[in-house]
């Protein structure tokens, strides 16, 4: 796979990716709209396989049969959402390929009212909050991955936080921003869970999303019960399920020198 360097090509290539959809499949819209993604193809002219990556997520589309396993090595150590016909070449490309069932919720119901403890201030993050986001620690770095880092998320206008004495305890943000849906994510300091902070941040963020004319969505793994419960309390209801794949390191390529199938 080669990286497409011209941003203008992204608009042309968007026809291969879903639009107006909830959840992480809106990644291509987010990457195009924010300029935070990277675009890949099997060849620069009339590509047969296309991928877009942002944060540690990838959307992959096209004709799997034209790929050699080593062609997919740029997608190592990522979460890949792809049609099932890509699974054999993905499995051959990486040292591991773990399927991960994902549940996609859409906000349809009224949320439960949050009651955070006294002394907690709830507000939208600004560009000056980047260091506070970074202070959430390595375990929360994923939350700003689709915005290019803490500065990108803090300055996006798409995040709400719960603060105490200037310290950020919990943040809810738009993780993927599509044309119709914005997928919501939450990170919380483990010492401050079960205090309605996450619910309060999510409710505030969802009000913002709806004022922007979009619908909040929520994506989590099937076995993440706390996330599923928080989504329910915040008014989200299950809409669909899908599978994406966690990739490992790329396998060493066999020195055959043969071209890709179907070239």
C-alpha atoms as a PDB file:
ATOM      1  CA  UNK A   1       0.000   0.000   0.000  1.00  0.00           C
ATOM      2  CA  UNK A   2       1.221   3.500  -0.771  1.00  0.00           C
ATOM      3  CA  UNK A   3       0.228   6.673   1.018  1.00  0.00           C
ATOM      4  CA  UNK A   4      -1.732   9.231  -0.970  1.00  0.00           C
ATOM      5  CA  UNK A   5      -0.162  12.615  -0.321  1.00  0.00           C
ATOM      6  CA  UNK A   6      -2.562  14.962  -2.119  1.00  0.00           C
ATOM      7  CA  UNK A   7      -5.480  15.961   0.145  1.00  0.00           C
ATOM      8  CA  UNK A   8      -7.561  16.724  -2.937  1.00  0.00           C
ATOM      9  CA  UNK A   9      -7.647  12.999  -3.757  1.00  0.00           C
ATOM     10  CA  UNK A  10      -9.464  12.287  -0.503  1.00  0.00           C
ATOM     11  CA  UNK A  11     -12.704  13.864  -1.729  1.00  0.00           C
ATOM     12  CA  UNK A  12     -12.536  11.784  -4.895  1.00  0.00           C
ATOM     13  CA  UNK A  13     -11.914   8.595  -2.912  1.00  0.00           C
ATOM     14  CA  UNK A  14     -14.689   9.170  -0.369  1.00  0.00           C
ATOM     15  CA  UNK A  15     -17.108   7.461  -2.722  1.00  0.00           C
ATOM     16  CA  UNK A  16     -15.585   4.141  -1.618  1.00  0.00           C
ATOM     17  CA  UNK A  17     -16.329   4.712   2.070  1.00  0.00           C
ATOM     18  CA  UNK A  18     -19.638   4.924   3.941  1.00  0.00           C
ATOM     19  CA  UNK A  19     -21.157   8.319   4.682  1.00  0.00           C
ATOM     20  CA  UNK A  20     -23.967   9.399   6.962  1.00  0.00           C
ATOM     21  CA  UNK A  21     -23.508   6.324   9.168  1.00  0.00           C
ATOM     22  CA  UNK A  22     -23.164   6.006  12.967  1.00  0.00           C
ATOM     23  CA  UNK A  23     -20.119   4.682  14.784  1.00  0.00           C
ATOM     24  CA  UNK A  24     -16.547   4.153  13.675  1.00  0.00           C
ATOM     25  CA  UNK A  25     -17.485   3.479  10.018  1.00  0.00           C
ATOM     26  CA  UNK A  26     -17.773   7.294   9.786  1.00  0.00           C
ATOM     27  CA  UNK A  27     -13.974   7.423  10.191  1.00  0.00           C
ATOM     28  CA  UNK A  28     -13.416   8.498   6.576  1.00  0.00           C
ATOM     29  CA  UNK A  29     -15.719  11.494   7.007  1.00  0.00           C
ATOM     30  CA  UNK A  30     -13.895  12.424  10.204  1.00  0.00           C
ATOM     31  CA  UNK A  31     -10.465  12.112   8.598  1.00  0.00           C
ATOM     32  CA  UNK A  32     -11.508  14.215   5.637  1.00  0.00           C
ATOM     33  CA  UNK A  33     -13.279  16.864   7.707  1.00  0.00           C
ATOM     34  CA  UNK A  34     -10.550  17.282  10.323  1.00  0.00           C
ATOM     35  CA  UNK A  35      -7.495  16.634   8.158  1.00  0.00           C
ATOM     36  CA  UNK A  36      -6.226  14.186  10.781  1.00  0.00           C
ATOM     37  CA  UNK A  37      -6.277  10.991   8.759  1.00  0.00           C
ATOM     38  CA  UNK A  38      -3.963   9.191   6.361  1.00  0.00           C
ATOM     39  CA  UNK A  39      -5.095   7.688   3.076  1.00  0.00           C
ATOM     40  CA  UNK A  40      -3.695   4.553   1.467  1.00  0.00           C
ATOM     41  CA  UNK A  41      -4.108   2.756  -1.866  1.00  0.00           C
ATOM     42  CA  UNK A  42      -2.636  -0.231  -3.673  1.00  0.00           C
ATOM     43  CA  UNK A  43      -1.614   2.031  -6.570  1.00  0.00           C
ATOM     44  CA  UNK A  44      -1.771   5.782  -7.291  1.00  0.00           C
ATOM     45  CA  UNK A  45      -4.014   5.622 -10.376  1.00  0.00           C
ATOM     46  CA  UNK A  46      -7.357   3.795 -10.443  1.00  0.00           C
ATOM     47  CA  UNK A  47      -6.746   2.100  -7.069  1.00  0.00           C
ATOM     48  CA  UNK A  48      -8.404  -1.236  -6.440  1.00  0.00           C
ATOM     49  CA  UNK A  49      -7.928  -1.160  -2.645  1.00  0.00           C
ATOM     50  CA  UNK A  50      -8.293   1.881  -0.402  1.00  0.00           C
ATOM     51  CA  UNK A  51      -7.747   2.459   3.292  1.00  0.00           C
ATOM     52  CA  UNK A  52      -8.078   5.436   5.602  1.00  0.00           C
ATOM     53  CA  UNK A  53      -6.472   5.503   9.042  1.00  0.00           C
ATOM     54  CA  UNK A  54      -7.026   7.847  11.966  1.00  0.00           C
ATOM     55  CA  UNK A  55      -5.903   7.313  15.523  1.00  0.00           C
ATOM     56  CA  UNK A  56      -5.473   3.551  15.774  1.00  0.00           C
ATOM     57  CA  UNK A  57      -8.462   2.741  13.540  1.00  0.00           C
ATOM     58  CA  UNK A  58      -8.574   1.823   9.860  1.00  0.00           C
ATOM     59  CA  UNK A  59     -11.322   1.447   7.269  1.00  0.00           C
ATOM     60  CA  UNK A  60     -10.368  -0.893   4.422  1.00  0.00           C
ATOM     61  CA  UNK A  61     -12.339  -1.353   1.202  1.00  0.00           C
ATOM     62  CA  UNK A  62     -11.882  -2.769  -2.292  1.00  0.00           C
ATOM     63  CA  UNK A  63     -10.703  -5.980  -3.950  1.00  0.00           C
ATOM     64  CA  UNK A  64      -8.834  -8.099  -1.422  1.00  0.00           C
ATOM     65  CA  UNK A  65      -7.647 -10.507  -4.103  1.00  0.00           C
ATOM     66  CA  UNK A  66      -5.199  -8.022  -5.609  1.00  0.00           C
ATOM     67  CA  UNK A  67      -3.173  -7.736  -2.393  1.00  0.00           C
ATOM     68  CA  UNK A  68      -0.100  -9.553  -1.147  1.00  0.00           C
ATOM     69  CA  UNK A  69       0.039  -9.903   2.652  1.00  0.00           C
ATOM     70  CA  UNK A  70       2.996  -7.511   2.893  1.00  0.00           C
ATOM     71  CA  UNK A  71       0.949  -4.825   1.150  1.00  0.00           C
ATOM     72  CA  UNK A  72      -1.057  -4.460   4.356  1.00  0.00           C
ATOM     73  CA  UNK A  73       1.922  -3.931   6.686  1.00  0.00           C
ATOM     74  CA  UNK A  74       1.233  -0.160   6.993  1.00  0.00           C
ATOM     75  CA  UNK A  75      -1.938  -1.195   8.857  1.00  0.00           C
ATOM     76  CA  UNK A  76      -0.065  -3.087  11.615  1.00  0.00           C
ATOM     77  CA  UNK A  77      -1.044  -2.626  15.277  1.00  0.00           C
ATOM     78  CA  UNK A  78      -4.423  -1.116  14.427  1.00  0.00           C
ATOM     79  CA  UNK A  79      -8.133  -1.870  14.593  1.00  0.00           C
ATOM     80  CA  UNK A  80      -9.247  -2.639  11.050  1.00  0.00           C
ATOM     81  CA  UNK A  81     -12.867  -2.518   9.926  1.00  0.00           C
ATOM     82  CA  UNK A  82     -13.167  -4.365   6.610  1.00  0.00           C
ATOM     83  CA  UNK A  83     -15.541  -6.640   4.700  1.00  0.00           C
ATOM     84  CA  UNK A  84     -15.187 -10.334   5.430  1.00  0.00           C
ATOM     85  CA  UNK A  85     -13.453 -11.107   2.137  1.00  0.00           C
ATOM     86  CA  UNK A  86     -10.368  -9.266   3.470  1.00  0.00           C
ATOM     87  CA  UNK A  87      -9.954 -11.667   6.421  1.00  0.00           C
ATOM     88  CA  UNK A  88      -7.727 -14.268   4.690  1.00  0.00           C
ATOM     89  CA  UNK A  89      -5.178 -11.692   3.480  1.00  0.00           C
ATOM     90  CA  UNK A  90      -5.296  -9.864   6.824  1.00  0.00           C
ATOM     91  CA  UNK A  91      -4.623 -13.136   8.628  1.00  0.00           C
ATOM     92  CA  UNK A  92      -1.688 -13.859   6.340  1.00  0.00           C
ATOM     93  CA  UNK A  93      -0.300 -10.336   6.768  1.00  0.00           C
ATOM     94  CA  UNK A  94      -0.047 -10.123  10.566  1.00  0.00           C
ATOM     95  CA  UNK A  95       1.301 -12.163  13.454  1.00  0.00           C
ATOM     96  CA  UNK A  96      -2.163 -12.053  14.985  1.00  0.00           C
ATOM     97  CA  UNK A  97      -5.644 -11.050  13.922  1.00  0.00           C
ATOM     98  CA  UNK A  98      -8.211 -10.851  16.695  1.00  0.00           C
ATOM     99  CA  UNK A  99     -11.888 -10.316  15.849  1.00  0.00           C
ATOM    100  CA  UNK A 100     -13.613  -7.841  18.154  1.00  0.00           C
ATOM    101  CA  UNK A 101     -17.395  -7.596  18.280  1.00  0.00           C
ATOM    102  CA  UNK A 102     -18.565  -4.007  18.449  1.00  0.00           C
ATOM    103  CA  UNK A 103     -21.971  -2.619  19.359  1.00  0.00           C
ATOM    104  CA  UNK A 104     -23.197   0.664  17.880  1.00  0.00           C
ATOM    105  CA  UNK A 105     -25.797   2.700  19.772  1.00  0.00           C
ATOM    106  CA  UNK A 106     -27.710   5.795  18.727  1.00  0.00           C
ATOM    107  CA  UNK A 107     -29.209   8.311  21.153  1.00  0.00           C
ATOM    108  CA  UNK A 108     -32.973   7.944  20.978  1.00  0.00           C
ATOM    109  CA  UNK A 109     -34.182   8.264  24.585  1.00  0.00           C
ATOM    110  CA  UNK A 110     -34.089  10.928  27.275  1.00  0.00           C
ATOM    111  CA  UNK A 111     -30.961  10.604  29.454  1.00  0.00           C
ATOM    112  CA  UNK A 112     -30.892  10.069  33.190  1.00  0.00           C
ATOM    113  CA  UNK A 113     -30.069  13.320  34.957  1.00  0.00           C
ATOM    114  CA  UNK A 114     -26.520  13.406  36.287  1.00  0.00           C
ATOM    115  CA  UNK A 115     -25.761  14.635  39.800  1.00  0.00           C
ATOM    116  CA  UNK A 116     -22.023  15.196  40.116  1.00  0.00           C
ATOM    117  CA  UNK A 117     -20.645  15.994  43.585  1.00  0.00           C
ATOM    118  CA  UNK A 118     -20.199  19.525  44.862  1.00  0.00           C
ATOM    119  CA  UNK A 119     -17.076  21.320  43.845  1.00  0.00           C
ATOM    120  CA  UNK A 120     -17.049  19.830  40.332  1.00  0.00           C
ATOM    121  CA  UNK A 121     -17.256  22.287  37.432  1.00  0.00           C
ATOM    122  CA  UNK A 122     -18.552  21.119  34.062  1.00  0.00           C
ATOM    123  CA  UNK A 123     -17.504  22.989  30.913  1.00  0.00           C
ATOM    124  CA  UNK A 124     -16.410  22.711  27.300  1.00  0.00           C
ATOM    125  CA  UNK A 125     -12.659  22.254  26.818  1.00  0.00           C
ATOM    126  CA  UNK A 126     -10.637  24.979  25.122  1.00  0.00           C
ATOM    127  CA  UNK A 127      -7.172  25.054  23.607  1.00  0.00           C
ATOM    128  CA  UNK A 128      -5.675  25.933  26.990  1.00  0.00           C
ATOM    129  CA  UNK A 129      -6.770  22.541  28.381  1.00  0.00           C
ATOM    130  CA  UNK A 130      -4.345  20.469  26.310  1.00  0.00           C
ATOM    131  CA  UNK A 131      -1.966  19.904  29.231  1.00  0.00           C
ATOM    132  CA  UNK A 132      -4.873  18.863  31.446  1.00  0.00           C
ATOM    133  CA  UNK A 133      -5.851  16.279  28.843  1.00  0.00           C
ATOM    134  CA  UNK A 134      -2.271  14.991  28.724  1.00  0.00           C
ATOM    135  CA  UNK A 135      -2.280  14.750  32.524  1.00  0.00           C
ATOM    136  CA  UNK A 136      -4.992  12.074  32.371  1.00  0.00           C
ATOM    137  CA  UNK A 137      -2.078   9.720  31.759  1.00  0.00           C
ATOM    138  CA  UNK A 138      -0.985   7.100  29.214  1.00  0.00           C
ATOM    139  CA  UNK A 139      -4.116   4.997  29.747  1.00  0.00           C
ATOM    140  CA  UNK A 140      -6.234   7.839  28.332  1.00  0.00           C
ATOM    141  CA  UNK A 141      -4.087   8.749  25.323  1.00  0.00           C
ATOM    142  CA  UNK A 142      -6.484   6.963  22.985  1.00  0.00           C
ATOM    143  CA  UNK A 143      -9.190   9.565  23.686  1.00  0.00           C
ATOM    144  CA  UNK A 144      -7.421  12.240  21.605  1.00  0.00           C
ATOM    145  CA  UNK A 145      -5.858   9.913  19.015  1.00  0.00           C
ATOM    146  CA  UNK A 146      -8.414  10.741  16.324  1.00  0.00           C
ATOM    147  CA  UNK A 147      -7.690  14.462  16.813  1.00  0.00           C
ATOM    148  CA  UNK A 148      -3.923  14.201  16.454  1.00  0.00           C
ATOM    149  CA  UNK A 149      -3.193  14.582  20.172  1.00  0.00           C
ATOM    150  CA  UNK A 150      -4.340  16.603  23.203  1.00  0.00           C
ATOM    151  CA  UNK A 151      -3.938  19.992  21.487  1.00  0.00           C
ATOM    152  CA  UNK A 152      -6.132  18.894  18.598  1.00  0.00           C
ATOM    153  CA  UNK A 153      -8.934  17.638  20.827  1.00  0.00           C
ATOM    154  CA  UNK A 154      -8.763  20.504  23.321  1.00  0.00           C
ATOM    155  CA  UNK A 155      -9.089  23.058  20.537  1.00  0.00           C
ATOM    156  CA  UNK A 156     -11.779  21.205  18.583  1.00  0.00           C
ATOM    157  CA  UNK A 157     -14.762  22.502  20.550  1.00  0.00           C
ATOM    158  CA  UNK A 158     -15.982  18.887  20.646  1.00  0.00           C
ATOM    159  CA  UNK A 159     -15.089  17.916  24.232  1.00  0.00           C
ATOM    160  CA  UNK A 160     -16.591  18.500  27.665  1.00  0.00           C
ATOM    161  CA  UNK A 161     -14.824  17.931  30.957  1.00  0.00           C
ATOM    162  CA  UNK A 162     -15.495  17.678  34.662  1.00  0.00           C
ATOM    163  CA  UNK A 163     -12.968  19.714  36.674  1.00  0.00           C
ATOM    164  CA  UNK A 164     -12.144  20.063  40.341  1.00  0.00           C
ATOM    165  CA  UNK A 165      -9.716  22.784  41.430  1.00  0.00           C
ATOM    166  CA  UNK A 166      -8.507  23.083  37.866  1.00  0.00           C
ATOM    167  CA  UNK A 167      -7.772  19.385  37.437  1.00  0.00           C
ATOM    168  CA  UNK A 168      -9.532  17.451  34.666  1.00  0.00           C
ATOM    169  CA  UNK A 169     -11.187  14.344  36.148  1.00  0.00           C
ATOM    170  CA  UNK A 170     -13.313  13.119  33.231  1.00  0.00           C
ATOM    171  CA  UNK A 171     -13.655  14.028  29.562  1.00  0.00           C
ATOM    172  CA  UNK A 172     -16.309  13.141  26.994  1.00  0.00           C
ATOM    173  CA  UNK A 173     -15.641  13.988  23.368  1.00  0.00           C
ATOM    174  CA  UNK A 174     -16.610  13.427  19.791  1.00  0.00           C
ATOM    175  CA  UNK A 175     -14.266  10.607  18.844  1.00  0.00           C
ATOM    176  CA  UNK A 176     -15.391  10.383  15.222  1.00  0.00           C
ATOM    177  CA  UNK A 177     -17.277  13.262  13.582  1.00  0.00           C
ATOM    178  CA  UNK A 178     -19.331  12.336  10.541  1.00  0.00           C
ATOM    179  CA  UNK A 179     -21.738  14.304   8.400  1.00  0.00           C
ATOM    180  CA  UNK A 180     -24.796  12.988  10.235  1.00  0.00           C
ATOM    181  CA  UNK A 181     -23.508  11.330  13.424  1.00  0.00           C
ATOM    182  CA  UNK A 182     -20.844  12.099  16.009  1.00  0.00           C
ATOM    183  CA  UNK A 183     -19.511   9.066  17.872  1.00  0.00           C
ATOM    184  CA  UNK A 184     -18.948   9.739  21.564  1.00  0.00           C
ATOM    185  CA  UNK A 185     -16.066   8.539  23.749  1.00  0.00           C
ATOM    186  CA  UNK A 186     -15.293   8.975  27.451  1.00  0.00           C
ATOM    187  CA  UNK A 187     -12.134   8.768  29.572  1.00  0.00           C
ATOM    188  CA  UNK A 188     -12.238   9.035  33.357  1.00  0.00           C
ATOM    189  CA  UNK A 189      -9.654   9.109  36.105  1.00  0.00           C
ATOM    190  CA  UNK A 190     -10.153   5.678  37.775  1.00  0.00           C
ATOM    191  CA  UNK A 191     -10.203   7.317  41.212  1.00  0.00           C
ATOM    192  CA  UNK A 192     -13.284   9.360  40.273  1.00  0.00           C
ATOM    193  CA  UNK A 193     -15.563   6.786  38.706  1.00  0.00           C
ATOM    194  CA  UNK A 194     -19.133   6.084  39.884  1.00  0.00           C
ATOM    195  CA  UNK A 195     -19.710   9.753  40.711  1.00  0.00           C
ATOM    196  CA  UNK A 196     -21.878  10.717  37.708  1.00  0.00           C
ATOM    197  CA  UNK A 197     -18.976  12.645  36.162  1.00  0.00           C
ATOM    198  CA  UNK A 198     -18.950  10.643  32.941  1.00  0.00           C
ATOM    199  CA  UNK A 199     -22.725  10.838  32.598  1.00  0.00           C
ATOM    200  CA  UNK A 200     -22.689  14.598  33.179  1.00  0.00           C
ATOM    201  CA  UNK A 201     -19.996  15.120  30.528  1.00  0.00           C
ATOM    202  CA  UNK A 202     -21.759  12.861  28.028  1.00  0.00           C
ATOM    203  CA  UNK A 203     -25.097  14.611  28.521  1.00  0.00           C
ATOM    204  CA  UNK A 204     -23.505  18.029  27.994  1.00  0.00           C
ATOM    205  CA  UNK A 205     -21.627  16.857  24.905  1.00  0.00           C
ATOM    206  CA  UNK A 206     -24.735  15.258  23.406  1.00  0.00           C
ATOM    207  CA  UNK A 207     -26.663  18.516  23.797  1.00  0.00           C
ATOM    208  CA  UNK A 208     -23.874  20.228  21.856  1.00  0.00           C
ATOM    209  CA  UNK A 209     -23.945  17.572  19.134  1.00  0.00           C
ATOM    210  CA  UNK A 210     -27.697  17.916  18.713  1.00  0.00           C
ATOM    211  CA  UNK A 211     -27.391  21.700  18.504  1.00  0.00           C
ATOM    212  CA  UNK A 212     -24.920  21.160  15.659  1.00  0.00           C
ATOM    213  CA  UNK A 213     -27.675  19.275  13.827  1.00  0.00           C
ATOM    214  CA  UNK A 214     -26.126  15.825  14.251  1.00  0.00           C
ATOM    215  CA  UNK A 215     -27.089  12.710  16.199  1.00  0.00           C
ATOM    216  CA  UNK A 216     -24.870  11.242  18.945  1.00  0.00           C
ATOM    217  CA  UNK A 217     -23.779   7.631  18.529  1.00  0.00           C
ATOM    218  CA  UNK A 218     -21.795   5.326  20.807  1.00  0.00           C
ATOM    219  CA  UNK A 219     -19.512   2.387  20.030  1.00  0.00           C
ATOM    220  CA  UNK A 220     -18.187  -0.165  22.503  1.00  0.00           C
ATOM    221  CA  UNK A 221     -17.190  -3.802  22.682  1.00  0.00           C
ATOM    222  CA  UNK A 222     -19.796  -6.392  23.553  1.00  0.00           C
ATOM    223  CA  UNK A 223     -18.007  -7.369  26.773  1.00  0.00           C
ATOM    224  CA  UNK A 224     -17.544  -3.789  28.074  1.00  0.00           C
ATOM    225  CA  UNK A 225     -20.497  -3.755  30.454  1.00  0.00           C
ATOM    226  CA  UNK A 226     -19.691  -0.411  32.175  1.00  0.00           C
ATOM    227  CA  UNK A 227     -19.619   1.343  28.800  1.00  0.00           C
ATOM    228  CA  UNK A 228     -22.888  -0.268  27.756  1.00  0.00           C
ATOM    229  CA  UNK A 229     -24.565   0.801  31.005  1.00  0.00           C
ATOM    230  CA  UNK A 230     -23.313   4.372  30.670  1.00  0.00           C
ATOM    231  CA  UNK A 231     -24.637   4.488  27.121  1.00  0.00           C
ATOM    232  CA  UNK A 232     -28.052   3.309  28.308  1.00  0.00           C
ATOM    233  CA  UNK A 233     -28.231   5.906  31.100  1.00  0.00           C
ATOM    234  CA  UNK A 234     -27.264   8.600  28.587  1.00  0.00           C
ATOM    235  CA  UNK A 235     -30.181   7.683  26.306  1.00  0.00           C
ATOM    236  CA  UNK A 236     -28.411   5.509  23.724  1.00  0.00           C
ATOM    237  CA  UNK A 237     -30.115   2.423  22.317  1.00  0.00           C
ATOM    238  CA  UNK A 238     -28.570  -0.412  20.328  1.00  0.00           C
ATOM    239  CA  UNK A 239     -28.840   0.002  16.564  1.00  0.00           C
ATOM    240  CA  UNK A 240     -26.388  -2.451  15.002  1.00  0.00           C
ATOM    241  CA  UNK A 241     -23.382  -4.693  15.570  1.00  0.00           C
ATOM    242  CA  UNK A 242     -20.266  -5.347  13.535  1.00  0.00           C
ATOM    243  CA  UNK A 243     -16.802  -6.891  13.829  1.00  0.00           C
ATOM    244  CA  UNK A 244     -13.435  -5.258  13.432  1.00  0.00           C
ATOM    245  CA  UNK A 245     -10.000  -6.816  13.746  1.00  0.00           C
ATOM    246  CA  UNK A 246      -7.023  -6.023  15.965  1.00  0.00           C
ATOM    247  CA  UNK A 247      -3.837  -6.573  13.971  1.00  0.00           C
ATOM    248  CA  UNK A 248      -0.422  -7.494  15.297  1.00  0.00           C
ATOM    249  CA  UNK A 249       2.983  -6.911  13.722  1.00  0.00           C
ATOM    250  CA  UNK A 250       3.491  -7.582  10.036  1.00  0.00           C
ATOM    251  CA  UNK A 251       4.779 -11.013   9.085  1.00  0.00           C
ATOM    252  CA  UNK A 252       8.043 -11.202   7.146  1.00  0.00           C
ATOM    253  CA  UNK A 253       7.375 -11.332   3.418  1.00  0.00           C
ATOM    254  CA  UNK A 254       8.439 -14.387   1.475  1.00  0.00           C
ATOM    255  CA  UNK A 255      11.036 -13.384  -1.185  1.00  0.00           C
ATOM    256  CA  UNK A 256       8.982 -14.557  -4.168  1.00  0.00           C
ATOM    257  CA  UNK A 257       9.111 -11.362  -6.219  1.00  0.00           C
ATOM    258  CA  UNK A 258       5.676 -12.196  -7.618  1.00  0.00           C
ATOM    259  CA  UNK A 259       3.212  -9.400  -8.378  1.00  0.00           C
ATOM    260  CA  UNK A 260      -0.080  -9.058  -6.582  1.00  0.00           C
ATOM    261  CA  UNK A 261      -2.866 -11.378  -7.711  1.00  0.00           C
ATOM    262  CA  UNK A 262      -5.030  -9.772 -10.334  1.00  0.00           C
ATOM    263  CA  UNK A 263      -2.485  -7.077 -11.211  1.00  0.00           C
END
